[in-house]
Amino acid sequence: MVIAVTEEVKGSALLSTISVAHFSGINAEILLGGVNAPFTVMKMSVTVGMGAPAHISKIEDKVFHITSGKFLFLVDEKRIEVGTGDHVFVRKGQIHSFCGLNSEESELTLVSSPALHDQFFLRLSELSVPHVFDDVQSVCKSCHQEIVGPVIQP
């Protein structure tokens, strides 16, 4: 996958959606990613009560920026309710999960380093629904992820 930019802006670049992935009630617009990218950037819309199952990202550090709505996060054993403008940092190796709490979709931006999470989402998005456990496990293993529980719930 190639890093995509739509317009040069005074030495930096304006990002645009280069791909879209869907998994676990998440619609993820991939803005930056792939093997040549220094990190992954994804804009995510999350359906209420849905989100990321409890998992461990073995080689990625992550920052989540809440752009609208409310979320419940699990980071290790700590439950954290966050809203618009808040940020959550998750170190590689920490168990984490999140779900949308609004009556409508909530949105966040994820930045993860090194770049890999876009590939994880794209590969999960390609799986048939309902998901076959062994297929999900295969994607997780190849992308250095481990699902350890369900999506956190209020």
C-alpha atoms as a PDB file:
ATOM      1  CA  MET A   1       0.000   0.000   0.000  1.00  0.00           C
ATOM      2  CA  VAL A   2       1.231   3.494  -0.842  1.00  0.00           C
ATOM      3  CA  ILE A   3       1.128   6.533   1.421  1.00  0.00           C
ATOM      4  CA  ALA A   4      -1.445   8.827  -0.181  1.00  0.00           C
ATOM      5  CA  VAL A   5      -1.628  12.614  -0.028  1.00  0.00           C
ATOM      6  CA  THR A   6      -4.078  14.863  -1.802  1.00  0.00           C
ATOM      7  CA  GLU A   7      -2.420  18.251  -1.542  1.00  0.00           C
ATOM      8  CA  GLU A   8       0.956  19.617  -0.482  1.00  0.00           C
ATOM      9  CA  VAL A   9       0.548  22.203   2.271  1.00  0.00           C
ATOM     10  CA  LYS A  10       3.700  24.223   3.195  1.00  0.00           C
ATOM     11  CA  GLY A  11       6.062  21.290   3.633  1.00  0.00           C
ATOM     12  CA  SER A  12       3.470  18.904   5.068  1.00  0.00           C
ATOM     13  CA  ALA A  13       0.764  16.867   3.409  1.00  0.00           C
ATOM     14  CA  LEU A  14      -2.992  16.743   3.642  1.00  0.00           C
ATOM     15  CA  LEU A  15      -4.137  13.161   4.197  1.00  0.00           C
ATOM     16  CA  SER A  16      -7.149  11.615   2.532  1.00  0.00           C
ATOM     17  CA  THR A  17      -8.851   8.250   2.865  1.00  0.00           C
ATOM     18  CA  ILE A  18      -6.823   5.587   1.059  1.00  0.00           C
ATOM     19  CA  SER A  19      -8.915   2.605   2.115  1.00  0.00           C
ATOM     20  CA  VAL A  20     -11.832   1.641   4.350  1.00  0.00           C
ATOM     21  CA  ALA A  21     -12.190  -1.365   6.655  1.00  0.00           C
ATOM     22  CA  HIS A  22     -15.137  -2.642   8.709  1.00  0.00           C
ATOM     23  CA  PHE A  23     -14.918  -4.857  11.790  1.00  0.00           C
ATOM     24  CA  SER A  24     -16.819  -5.243  15.073  1.00  0.00           C
ATOM     25  CA  GLY A  25     -19.109  -2.250  14.518  1.00  0.00           C
ATOM     26  CA  ILE A  26     -16.179  -0.043  13.491  1.00  0.00           C
ATOM     27  CA  ASN A  27     -15.964   1.774  10.171  1.00  0.00           C
ATOM     28  CA  ALA A  28     -12.272   2.688   9.797  1.00  0.00           C
ATOM     29  CA  GLU A  29     -11.073   5.176   7.214  1.00  0.00           C
ATOM     30  CA  ILE A  30      -7.354   4.547   6.713  1.00  0.00           C
ATOM     31  CA  LEU A  31      -5.565   7.857   6.229  1.00  0.00           C
ATOM     32  CA  LEU A  32      -1.975   6.639   6.490  1.00  0.00           C
ATOM     33  CA  GLY A  33      -0.510   3.160   6.578  1.00  0.00           C
ATOM     34  CA  GLY A  34       1.314   0.457   4.749  1.00  0.00           C
ATOM     35  CA  VAL A  35       4.860  -0.813   4.768  1.00  0.00           C
ATOM     36  CA  ASN A  36       6.421   2.556   3.883  1.00  0.00           C
ATOM     37  CA  ALA A  37       4.525   4.607   6.461  1.00  0.00           C
ATOM     38  CA  PRO A  38       6.135   5.614   9.773  1.00  0.00           C
ATOM     39  CA  PHE A  39       2.830   4.963  11.600  1.00  0.00           C
ATOM     40  CA  THR A  40      -0.850   4.225  10.976  1.00  0.00           C
ATOM     41  CA  VAL A  41      -3.605   6.847  11.161  1.00  0.00           C
ATOM     42  CA  MET A  42      -7.254   5.755  11.076  1.00  0.00           C
ATOM     43  CA  LYS A  43     -10.460   7.735  11.569  1.00  0.00           C
ATOM     44  CA  MET A  44     -13.059   5.432  13.133  1.00  0.00           C
ATOM     45  CA  SER A  45     -16.822   5.651  13.499  1.00  0.00           C
ATOM     46  CA  VAL A  46     -18.051   3.244  16.173  1.00  0.00           C
ATOM     47  CA  THR A  47     -21.602   1.932  16.594  1.00  0.00           C
ATOM     48  CA  VAL A  48     -23.025   2.214  20.117  1.00  0.00           C
ATOM     49  CA  GLY A  49     -22.163  -0.850  22.213  1.00  0.00           C
ATOM     50  CA  MET A  50     -19.668  -2.045  19.621  1.00  0.00           C
ATOM     51  CA  GLY A  51     -15.911  -1.557  19.291  1.00  0.00           C
ATOM     52  CA  ALA A  52     -12.608  -3.308  19.716  1.00  0.00           C
ATOM     53  CA  PRO A  53     -12.595  -6.595  21.612  1.00  0.00           C
ATOM     54  CA  ALA A  54     -10.104  -6.855  24.470  1.00  0.00           C
ATOM     55  CA  HIS A  55      -6.768  -7.459  22.796  1.00  0.00           C
ATOM     56  CA  ILE A  56      -3.030  -7.024  23.064  1.00  0.00           C
ATOM     57  CA  SER A  57      -1.055  -5.252  20.362  1.00  0.00           C
ATOM     58  CA  LYS A  58       2.340  -6.848  20.815  1.00  0.00           C
ATOM     59  CA  ILE A  59       4.509  -4.363  18.887  1.00  0.00           C
ATOM     60  CA  GLU A  60       2.404  -1.179  18.570  1.00  0.00           C
ATOM     61  CA  ASP A  61       1.971   1.837  20.825  1.00  0.00           C
ATOM     62  CA  LYS A  62      -1.336   3.675  20.273  1.00  0.00           C
ATOM     63  CA  VAL A  63      -2.901   7.062  20.868  1.00  0.00           C
ATOM     64  CA  PHE A  64      -6.663   7.470  20.561  1.00  0.00           C
ATOM     65  CA  HIS A  65      -8.104  10.991  20.105  1.00  0.00           C
ATOM     66  CA  ILE A  66     -11.844  11.216  20.739  1.00  0.00           C
ATOM     67  CA  THR A  67     -13.313  13.503  18.064  1.00  0.00           C
ATOM     68  CA  SER A  68     -17.009  13.133  18.960  1.00  0.00           C
ATOM     69  CA  GLY A  69     -19.191  11.240  21.400  1.00  0.00           C
ATOM     70  CA  LYS A  70     -18.271   9.109  24.378  1.00  0.00           C
ATOM     71  CA  PHE A  71     -16.364   5.863  24.765  1.00  0.00           C
ATOM     72  CA  LEU A  72     -15.667   3.372  27.492  1.00  0.00           C
ATOM     73  CA  PHE A  73     -12.051   2.140  27.366  1.00  0.00           C
ATOM     74  CA  LEU A  74     -10.416  -0.746  29.142  1.00  0.00           C
ATOM     75  CA  VAL A  75      -6.642  -0.385  29.599  1.00  0.00           C
ATOM     76  CA  ASP A  76      -5.255  -3.361  31.506  1.00  0.00           C
ATOM     77  CA  GLU A  77      -7.780  -3.558  34.384  1.00  0.00           C
ATOM     78  CA  LYS A  78      -8.745   0.135  34.423  1.00  0.00           C
ATOM     79  CA  ARG A  79     -12.104   1.261  32.984  1.00  0.00           C
ATOM     80  CA  ILE A  80     -12.001   4.831  31.639  1.00  0.00           C
ATOM     81  CA  GLU A  81     -14.961   6.836  30.287  1.00  0.00           C
ATOM     82  CA  VAL A  82     -13.811   9.490  27.819  1.00  0.00           C
ATOM     83  CA  GLY A  83     -15.441  12.080  25.594  1.00  0.00           C
ATOM     84  CA  THR A  84     -14.820  14.623  22.858  1.00  0.00           C
ATOM     85  CA  GLY A  85     -11.306  16.090  23.066  1.00  0.00           C
ATOM     86  CA  ASP A  86      -9.891  13.388  25.362  1.00  0.00           C
ATOM     87  CA  HIS A  87      -6.856  11.256  24.524  1.00  0.00           C
ATOM     88  CA  VAL A  88      -5.991   7.710  25.587  1.00  0.00           C
ATOM     89  CA  PHE A  89      -2.489   6.212  25.348  1.00  0.00           C
ATOM     90  CA  VAL A  90      -1.988   2.442  25.205  1.00  0.00           C
ATOM     91  CA  ARG A  91       1.497   0.947  25.356  1.00  0.00           C
ATOM     92  CA  LYS A  92       2.387  -2.140  23.365  1.00  0.00           C
ATOM     93  CA  GLY A  93       1.638  -5.258  25.397  1.00  0.00           C
ATOM     94  CA  GLN A  94      -1.277  -3.724  27.353  1.00  0.00           C
ATOM     95  CA  ILE A  95      -4.729  -5.299  27.209  1.00  0.00           C
ATOM     96  CA  HIS A  96      -7.189  -2.768  25.807  1.00  0.00           C
ATOM     97  CA  SER A  97     -10.727  -2.525  24.474  1.00  0.00           C
ATOM     98  CA  PHE A  98     -13.264   0.195  23.769  1.00  0.00           C
ATOM     99  CA  CYS A  99     -16.937   0.626  22.952  1.00  0.00           C
ATOM    100  CA  GLY A 100     -19.072   3.543  21.808  1.00  0.00           C
ATOM    101  CA  LEU A 101     -21.451   4.909  24.453  1.00  0.00           C
ATOM    102  CA  ASN A 102     -23.535   7.422  22.458  1.00  0.00           C
ATOM    103  CA  SER A 103     -27.007   6.746  21.124  1.00  0.00           C
ATOM    104  CA  GLU A 104     -25.452   7.590  17.736  1.00  0.00           C
ATOM    105  CA  GLU A 105     -22.030   6.719  16.341  1.00  0.00           C
ATOM    106  CA  SER A 106     -19.019   8.046  18.215  1.00  0.00           C
ATOM    107  CA  GLU A 107     -15.779   8.898  16.422  1.00  0.00           C
ATOM    108  CA  LEU A 108     -12.105   8.712  17.231  1.00  0.00           C
ATOM    109  CA  THR A 109      -8.775   8.943  15.483  1.00  0.00           C
ATOM    110  CA  LEU A 110      -6.186   6.238  16.116  1.00  0.00           C
ATOM    111  CA  VAL A 111      -2.456   6.763  15.617  1.00  0.00           C
ATOM    112  CA  SER A 112      -0.345   3.636  16.081  1.00  0.00           C
ATOM    113  CA  SER A 113       3.364   3.016  15.689  1.00  0.00           C
ATOM    114  CA  PRO A 114       4.922   1.235  13.962  1.00  0.00           C
ATOM    115  CA  ALA A 115       2.531   1.151  11.006  1.00  0.00           C
ATOM    116  CA  LEU A 116       0.652  -2.144  11.007  1.00  0.00           C
ATOM    117  CA  HIS A 117      -2.835  -1.641  12.436  1.00  0.00           C
ATOM    118  CA  ASP A 118      -4.224  -0.635   9.049  1.00  0.00           C
ATOM    119  CA  GLN A 119      -3.221  -4.043   7.676  1.00  0.00           C
ATOM    120  CA  PHE A 120      -4.818  -5.773  10.676  1.00  0.00           C
ATOM    121  CA  PHE A 121      -8.119  -3.976  10.044  1.00  0.00           C
ATOM    122  CA  LEU A 122      -8.036  -4.572   6.286  1.00  0.00           C
ATOM    123  CA  ARG A 123      -7.409  -8.291   6.732  1.00  0.00           C
ATOM    124  CA  LEU A 124     -10.167  -8.616   9.356  1.00  0.00           C
ATOM    125  CA  SER A 125     -12.527  -6.712   7.063  1.00  0.00           C
ATOM    126  CA  GLU A 126     -11.951  -9.314   4.320  1.00  0.00           C
ATOM    127  CA  LEU A 127     -13.178 -12.202   6.511  1.00  0.00           C
ATOM    128  CA  SER A 128     -16.613 -13.681   5.976  1.00  0.00           C
ATOM    129  CA  VAL A 129     -19.348 -12.842   8.496  1.00  0.00           C
ATOM    130  CA  PRO A 130     -20.058 -14.466  10.849  1.00  0.00           C
ATOM    131  CA  HIS A 131     -16.349 -14.756  11.560  1.00  0.00           C
ATOM    132  CA  VAL A 132     -14.697 -18.137  11.808  1.00  0.00           C
ATOM    133  CA  PHE A 133     -12.597 -18.162  14.992  1.00  0.00           C
ATOM    134  CA  ASP A 134      -9.574 -19.814  13.353  1.00  0.00           C
ATOM    135  CA  ASP A 135      -9.571 -17.219  10.543  1.00  0.00           C
ATOM    136  CA  VAL A 136      -9.593 -14.346  13.066  1.00  0.00           C
ATOM    137  CA  GLN A 137      -6.797 -16.021  15.028  1.00  0.00           C
ATOM    138  CA  SER A 138      -4.718 -16.402  11.867  1.00  0.00           C
ATOM    139  CA  VAL A 139      -5.052 -12.685  11.050  1.00  0.00           C
ATOM    140  CA  CYS A 140      -4.222 -11.784  14.656  1.00  0.00           C
ATOM    141  CA  LYS A 141      -1.091 -13.917  14.663  1.00  0.00           C
ATOM    142  CA  SER A 142       0.194 -12.497  11.367  1.00  0.00           C
ATOM    143  CA  CYS A 143      -0.390  -8.915  12.583  1.00  0.00           C
ATOM    144  CA  HIS A 144       1.070  -9.378  16.101  1.00  0.00           C
ATOM    145  CA  GLN A 145      -2.301  -9.085  17.862  1.00  0.00           C
ATOM    146  CA  GLU A 146      -3.968 -11.324  20.427  1.00  0.00           C
ATOM    147  CA  ILE A 147      -7.684 -11.138  21.196  1.00  0.00           C
ATOM    148  CA  VAL A 148      -8.136 -11.970  24.883  1.00  0.00           C
ATOM    149  CA  GLY A 149     -11.785 -11.119  25.542  1.00  0.00           C
ATOM    150  CA  PRO A 150     -14.995  -9.511  24.325  1.00  0.00           C
ATOM    151  CA  VAL A 151     -15.727  -5.838  23.661  1.00  0.00           C
ATOM    152  CA  ILE A 152     -15.911  -3.997  26.997  1.00  0.00           C
ATOM    153  CA  GLN A 153     -19.474  -3.143  28.026  1.00  0.00           C
ATOM    154  CA  PRO A 154     -20.814  -0.490  30.417  1.00  0.00           C
END
